[in-house]
């Protein structure tokens, strides 16, 4: 057995590793609402990869149409931040249209109409009086005495009542 000792100090070849904590990358999210609504958050500064859900809410008389800065048309939007982002919820005024329902001799209608927001559905029934029959609508192609109209423009309609032939 041979054992040797040296009095010289050997140089260390082991590298020194220093661990440094890296600050997380942060991004800014800016959210706003155009006229006609609100958003659930105005944004802020968040760490990279943070998932944020934003909801747009239309005011009465308005409807949500989409997001400026994102292609989504959903009112609720979830994004994962990987860059600075600016979003604006867009709204539009819901158009108001007039439904005019007039009746003629020989019957009645369930409504005279009025002003309604676009997309409103209105059911109208024409009822003939004794001695008359219902023969359709002027301003609508249906021959049914009860119709449902989806309001998408100004509309004028009236029922057509005719005398029934009386056999002696």
C-alpha atoms as a PDB file:
ATOM      1  CA  UNK A   1       0.000   0.000   0.000  1.00  0.00           C
ATOM      2  CA  UNK A   2       1.393   3.353  -1.023  1.00  0.00           C
ATOM      3  CA  UNK A   3       0.003   6.564   0.311  1.00  0.00           C
ATOM      4  CA  UNK A   4       1.193   9.974  -0.696  1.00  0.00           C
ATOM      5  CA  UNK A   5       0.532  13.399   0.729  1.00  0.00           C
ATOM      6  CA  UNK A   6       1.341  16.655  -0.845  1.00  0.00           C
ATOM      7  CA  UNK A   7       1.910  19.884   0.939  1.00  0.00           C
ATOM      8  CA  UNK A   8       0.962  21.938  -2.061  1.00  0.00           C
ATOM      9  CA  UNK A   9      -2.577  23.177  -2.212  1.00  0.00           C
ATOM     10  CA  UNK A  10      -4.396  22.044  -5.310  1.00  0.00           C
ATOM     11  CA  UNK A  11      -6.391  24.547  -7.311  1.00  0.00           C
ATOM     12  CA  UNK A  12     -10.108  23.941  -7.304  1.00  0.00           C
ATOM     13  CA  UNK A  13     -11.687  23.406 -10.713  1.00  0.00           C
ATOM     14  CA  UNK A  14     -15.252  23.344  -9.370  1.00  0.00           C
ATOM     15  CA  UNK A  15     -17.280  26.253 -10.770  1.00  0.00           C
ATOM     16  CA  UNK A  16     -19.240  28.447  -8.397  1.00  0.00           C
ATOM     17  CA  UNK A  17     -22.938  28.640  -9.307  1.00  0.00           C
ATOM     18  CA  UNK A  18     -24.859  31.698  -8.213  1.00  0.00           C
ATOM     19  CA  UNK A  19     -28.651  31.506  -8.327  1.00  0.00           C
ATOM     20  CA  UNK A  20     -30.403  34.806  -8.868  1.00  0.00           C
ATOM     21  CA  UNK A  21     -34.129  35.275  -8.649  1.00  0.00           C
ATOM     22  CA  UNK A  22     -35.498  36.738 -11.861  1.00  0.00           C
ATOM     23  CA  UNK A  23     -38.376  39.173 -11.498  1.00  0.00           C
ATOM     24  CA  UNK A  24     -41.521  37.932 -13.302  1.00  0.00           C
ATOM     25  CA  UNK A  25     -42.330  39.708 -16.546  1.00  0.00           C
ATOM     26  CA  UNK A  26     -45.319  42.015 -16.111  1.00  0.00           C
ATOM     27  CA  UNK A  27     -47.803  43.233 -18.679  1.00  0.00           C
ATOM     28  CA  UNK A  28     -50.415  45.951 -18.597  1.00  0.00           C
ATOM     29  CA  UNK A  29     -54.052  45.290 -19.451  1.00  0.00           C
ATOM     30  CA  UNK A  30     -56.171  48.352 -20.203  1.00  0.00           C
ATOM     31  CA  UNK A  31     -59.949  47.804 -20.454  1.00  0.00           C
ATOM     32  CA  UNK A  32     -62.627  50.399 -21.174  1.00  0.00           C
ATOM     33  CA  UNK A  33     -66.254  50.566 -22.282  1.00  0.00           C
ATOM     34  CA  UNK A  34     -67.646  52.681 -25.101  1.00  0.00           C
ATOM     35  CA  UNK A  35     -70.908  54.584 -24.570  1.00  0.00           C
ATOM     36  CA  UNK A  36     -73.806  52.270 -23.755  1.00  0.00           C
ATOM     37  CA  UNK A  37     -72.297  49.868 -21.247  1.00  0.00           C
ATOM     38  CA  UNK A  38     -69.758  48.925 -18.594  1.00  0.00           C
ATOM     39  CA  UNK A  39     -66.931  46.403 -18.067  1.00  0.00           C
ATOM     40  CA  UNK A  40     -66.190  44.263 -15.022  1.00  0.00           C
ATOM     41  CA  UNK A  41     -62.583  45.500 -14.711  1.00  0.00           C
ATOM     42  CA  UNK A  42     -60.482  48.368 -15.979  1.00  0.00           C
ATOM     43  CA  UNK A  43     -57.404  46.144 -16.049  1.00  0.00           C
ATOM     44  CA  UNK A  44     -54.070  46.704 -14.343  1.00  0.00           C
ATOM     45  CA  UNK A  45     -50.558  45.257 -14.277  1.00  0.00           C
ATOM     46  CA  UNK A  46     -50.275  41.475 -14.100  1.00  0.00           C
ATOM     47  CA  UNK A  47     -47.571  38.793 -14.220  1.00  0.00           C
ATOM     48  CA  UNK A  48     -47.035  37.078 -17.566  1.00  0.00           C
ATOM     49  CA  UNK A  49     -49.415  34.145 -18.027  1.00  0.00           C
ATOM     50  CA  UNK A  50     -52.123  35.541 -15.746  1.00  0.00           C
ATOM     51  CA  UNK A  51     -55.600  34.566 -16.921  1.00  0.00           C
ATOM     52  CA  UNK A  52     -58.206  37.327 -16.653  1.00  0.00           C
ATOM     53  CA  UNK A  53     -61.932  37.225 -17.411  1.00  0.00           C
ATOM     54  CA  UNK A  54     -63.634  40.458 -18.432  1.00  0.00           C
ATOM     55  CA  UNK A  55     -67.397  40.862 -18.825  1.00  0.00           C
ATOM     56  CA  UNK A  56     -69.130  43.597 -20.809  1.00  0.00           C
ATOM     57  CA  UNK A  57     -72.646  44.619 -19.715  1.00  0.00           C
ATOM     58  CA  UNK A  58     -74.900  46.681 -21.970  1.00  0.00           C
ATOM     59  CA  UNK A  59     -76.993  49.482 -20.482  1.00  0.00           C
ATOM     60  CA  UNK A  60     -80.749  49.445 -21.016  1.00  0.00           C
ATOM     61  CA  UNK A  61     -81.575  50.247 -24.635  1.00  0.00           C
ATOM     62  CA  UNK A  62     -78.124  49.115 -25.856  1.00  0.00           C
ATOM     63  CA  UNK A  63     -76.606  45.822 -26.977  1.00  0.00           C
ATOM     64  CA  UNK A  64     -73.049  44.521 -26.908  1.00  0.00           C
ATOM     65  CA  UNK A  65     -71.467  44.239 -30.387  1.00  0.00           C
ATOM     66  CA  UNK A  66     -67.888  43.085 -29.747  1.00  0.00           C
ATOM     67  CA  UNK A  67     -64.415  43.999 -28.526  1.00  0.00           C
ATOM     68  CA  UNK A  68     -62.011  46.483 -30.058  1.00  0.00           C
ATOM     69  CA  UNK A  69     -58.614  44.783 -29.723  1.00  0.00           C
ATOM     70  CA  UNK A  70     -60.010  41.210 -29.821  1.00  0.00           C
ATOM     71  CA  UNK A  71     -62.072  39.248 -32.364  1.00  0.00           C
ATOM     72  CA  UNK A  72     -64.466  37.762 -29.791  1.00  0.00           C
ATOM     73  CA  UNK A  73     -68.141  38.663 -29.968  1.00  0.00           C
ATOM     74  CA  UNK A  74     -68.919  37.085 -26.579  1.00  0.00           C
ATOM     75  CA  UNK A  75     -69.797  39.423 -23.711  1.00  0.00           C
ATOM     76  CA  UNK A  76     -67.471  37.440 -21.433  1.00  0.00           C
ATOM     77  CA  UNK A  77     -63.848  37.251 -22.564  1.00  0.00           C
ATOM     78  CA  UNK A  78     -60.999  35.298 -20.937  1.00  0.00           C
ATOM     79  CA  UNK A  79     -57.464  36.206 -21.955  1.00  0.00           C
ATOM     80  CA  UNK A  80     -54.001  35.023 -20.912  1.00  0.00           C
ATOM     81  CA  UNK A  81     -51.576  37.930 -20.717  1.00  0.00           C
ATOM     82  CA  UNK A  82     -48.424  37.493 -22.780  1.00  0.00           C
ATOM     83  CA  UNK A  83     -48.149  41.111 -23.952  1.00  0.00           C
ATOM     84  CA  UNK A  84     -49.524  44.549 -23.124  1.00  0.00           C
ATOM     85  CA  UNK A  85     -53.161  44.651 -24.260  1.00  0.00           C
ATOM     86  CA  UNK A  86     -55.829  47.298 -24.706  1.00  0.00           C
ATOM     87  CA  UNK A  87     -59.474  46.276 -25.046  1.00  0.00           C
ATOM     88  CA  UNK A  88     -62.655  48.276 -25.418  1.00  0.00           C
ATOM     89  CA  UNK A  89     -66.173  46.859 -25.140  1.00  0.00           C
ATOM     90  CA  UNK A  90     -68.364  48.176 -27.958  1.00  0.00           C
ATOM     91  CA  UNK A  91     -72.113  48.783 -27.761  1.00  0.00           C
ATOM     92  CA  UNK A  92     -74.817  50.111 -30.046  1.00  0.00           C
ATOM     93  CA  UNK A  93     -78.212  51.645 -29.442  1.00  0.00           C
ATOM     94  CA  UNK A  94     -80.994  49.149 -30.131  1.00  0.00           C
ATOM     95  CA  UNK A  95     -83.243  50.645 -32.830  1.00  0.00           C
ATOM     96  CA  UNK A  96     -86.876  51.388 -31.957  1.00  0.00           C
ATOM     97  CA  UNK A  97     -89.518  50.639 -34.588  1.00  0.00           C
ATOM     98  CA  UNK A  98     -93.238  51.359 -34.809  1.00  0.00           C
ATOM     99  CA  UNK A  99     -95.841  48.632 -35.266  1.00  0.00           C
ATOM    100  CA  UNK A 100     -99.185  50.012 -36.444  1.00  0.00           C
ATOM    101  CA  UNK A 101    -102.149  47.624 -36.373  1.00  0.00           C
ATOM    102  CA  UNK A 102    -105.427  49.019 -37.679  1.00  0.00           C
ATOM    103  CA  UNK A 103    -108.699  47.179 -37.863  1.00  0.00           C
ATOM    104  CA  UNK A 104    -111.589  47.502 -40.240  1.00  0.00           C
ATOM    105  CA  UNK A 105    -115.307  46.882 -40.038  1.00  0.00           C
ATOM    106  CA  UNK A 106    -116.103  43.301 -39.142  1.00  0.00           C
ATOM    107  CA  UNK A 107    -113.688  42.505 -36.355  1.00  0.00           C
ATOM    108  CA  UNK A 108    -111.120  43.444 -33.748  1.00  0.00           C
ATOM    109  CA  UNK A 109    -107.391  42.996 -33.141  1.00  0.00           C
ATOM    110  CA  UNK A 110    -105.626  42.129 -29.896  1.00  0.00           C
ATOM    111  CA  UNK A 111    -103.277  45.121 -30.091  1.00  0.00           C
ATOM    112  CA  UNK A 112    -103.023  48.444 -31.839  1.00  0.00           C
ATOM    113  CA  UNK A 113     -99.237  48.186 -31.867  1.00  0.00           C
ATOM    114  CA  UNK A 114     -96.783  50.681 -30.473  1.00  0.00           C
ATOM    115  CA  UNK A 115     -93.036  51.294 -30.331  1.00  0.00           C
ATOM    116  CA  UNK A 116     -90.762  48.290 -29.795  1.00  0.00           C
ATOM    117  CA  UNK A 117     -87.049  47.528 -29.706  1.00  0.00           C
ATOM    118  CA  UNK A 118     -85.649  45.650 -32.675  1.00  0.00           C
ATOM    119  CA  UNK A 119     -85.952  41.909 -32.124  1.00  0.00           C
ATOM    120  CA  UNK A 120     -89.119  42.113 -30.016  1.00  0.00           C
ATOM    121  CA  UNK A 121     -91.720  39.487 -30.881  1.00  0.00           C
ATOM    122  CA  UNK A 122     -95.361  40.566 -30.822  1.00  0.00           C
ATOM    123  CA  UNK A 123     -98.331  38.211 -31.101  1.00  0.00           C
ATOM    124  CA  UNK A 124    -101.426  39.671 -32.780  1.00  0.00           C
ATOM    125  CA  UNK A 125    -104.840  38.024 -33.048  1.00  0.00           C
ATOM    126  CA  UNK A 126    -107.631  39.095 -35.381  1.00  0.00           C
ATOM    127  CA  UNK A 127    -111.140  38.141 -34.240  1.00  0.00           C
ATOM    128  CA  UNK A 128    -114.085  38.454 -36.671  1.00  0.00           C
ATOM    129  CA  UNK A 129    -117.468  39.634 -35.457  1.00  0.00           C
ATOM    130  CA  UNK A 130    -120.641  37.615 -36.038  1.00  0.00           C
ATOM    131  CA  UNK A 131    -121.460  37.537 -39.737  1.00  0.00           C
ATOM    132  CA  UNK A 132    -117.832  38.137 -40.783  1.00  0.00           C
ATOM    133  CA  UNK A 133    -114.869  35.897 -41.502  1.00  0.00           C
ATOM    134  CA  UNK A 134    -111.147  36.535 -41.272  1.00  0.00           C
ATOM    135  CA  UNK A 135    -109.450  36.368 -44.711  1.00  0.00           C
ATOM    136  CA  UNK A 136    -105.821  37.262 -44.008  1.00  0.00           C
ATOM    137  CA  UNK A 137    -103.691  40.303 -43.344  1.00  0.00           C
ATOM    138  CA  UNK A 138    -102.926  43.357 -45.369  1.00  0.00           C
ATOM    139  CA  UNK A 139     -99.173  43.909 -44.958  1.00  0.00           C
ATOM    140  CA  UNK A 140     -98.435  40.271 -43.982  1.00  0.00           C
ATOM    141  CA  UNK A 141     -98.622  37.105 -46.078  1.00  0.00           C
ATOM    142  CA  UNK A 142    -100.077  34.873 -43.347  1.00  0.00           C
ATOM    143  CA  UNK A 143    -103.647  33.629 -43.500  1.00  0.00           C
ATOM    144  CA  UNK A 144    -103.601  32.639 -39.826  1.00  0.00           C
ATOM    145  CA  UNK A 145    -105.749  34.744 -37.507  1.00  0.00           C
ATOM    146  CA  UNK A 146    -102.961  34.757 -34.875  1.00  0.00           C
ATOM    147  CA  UNK A 147     -99.492  35.772 -36.043  1.00  0.00           C
ATOM    148  CA  UNK A 148     -96.178  36.497 -34.342  1.00  0.00           C
ATOM    149  CA  UNK A 149     -94.175  39.364 -35.773  1.00  0.00           C
ATOM    150  CA  UNK A 150     -90.468  39.869 -35.112  1.00  0.00           C
ATOM    151  CA  UNK A 151     -89.917  43.626 -35.159  1.00  0.00           C
ATOM    152  CA  UNK A 152     -87.062  44.571 -37.513  1.00  0.00           C
ATOM    153  CA  UNK A 153     -88.504  47.678 -39.195  1.00  0.00           C
ATOM    154  CA  UNK A 154     -91.560  49.932 -39.073  1.00  0.00           C
ATOM    155  CA  UNK A 155     -94.587  47.741 -39.837  1.00  0.00           C
ATOM    156  CA  UNK A 156     -98.189  48.522 -40.761  1.00  0.00           C
ATOM    157  CA  UNK A 157    -100.722  45.695 -40.918  1.00  0.00           C
ATOM    158  CA  UNK A 158    -104.466  45.292 -40.766  1.00  0.00           C
ATOM    159  CA  UNK A 159    -106.769  42.269 -40.772  1.00  0.00           C
ATOM    160  CA  UNK A 160    -109.086  41.599 -43.689  1.00  0.00           C
ATOM    161  CA  UNK A 161    -112.670  40.820 -42.636  1.00  0.00           C
ATOM    162  CA  UNK A 162    -115.372  39.961 -45.167  1.00  0.00           C
ATOM    163  CA  UNK A 163    -119.088  39.385 -44.769  1.00  0.00           C
ATOM    164  CA  UNK A 164    -120.004  35.739 -44.777  1.00  0.00           C
ATOM    165  CA  UNK A 165    -122.514  34.658 -47.374  1.00  0.00           C
ATOM    166  CA  UNK A 166    -125.804  34.120 -45.672  1.00  0.00           C
ATOM    167  CA  UNK A 167    -128.016  31.406 -47.058  1.00  0.00           C
ATOM    168  CA  UNK A 168    -131.757  32.149 -46.653  1.00  0.00           C
END
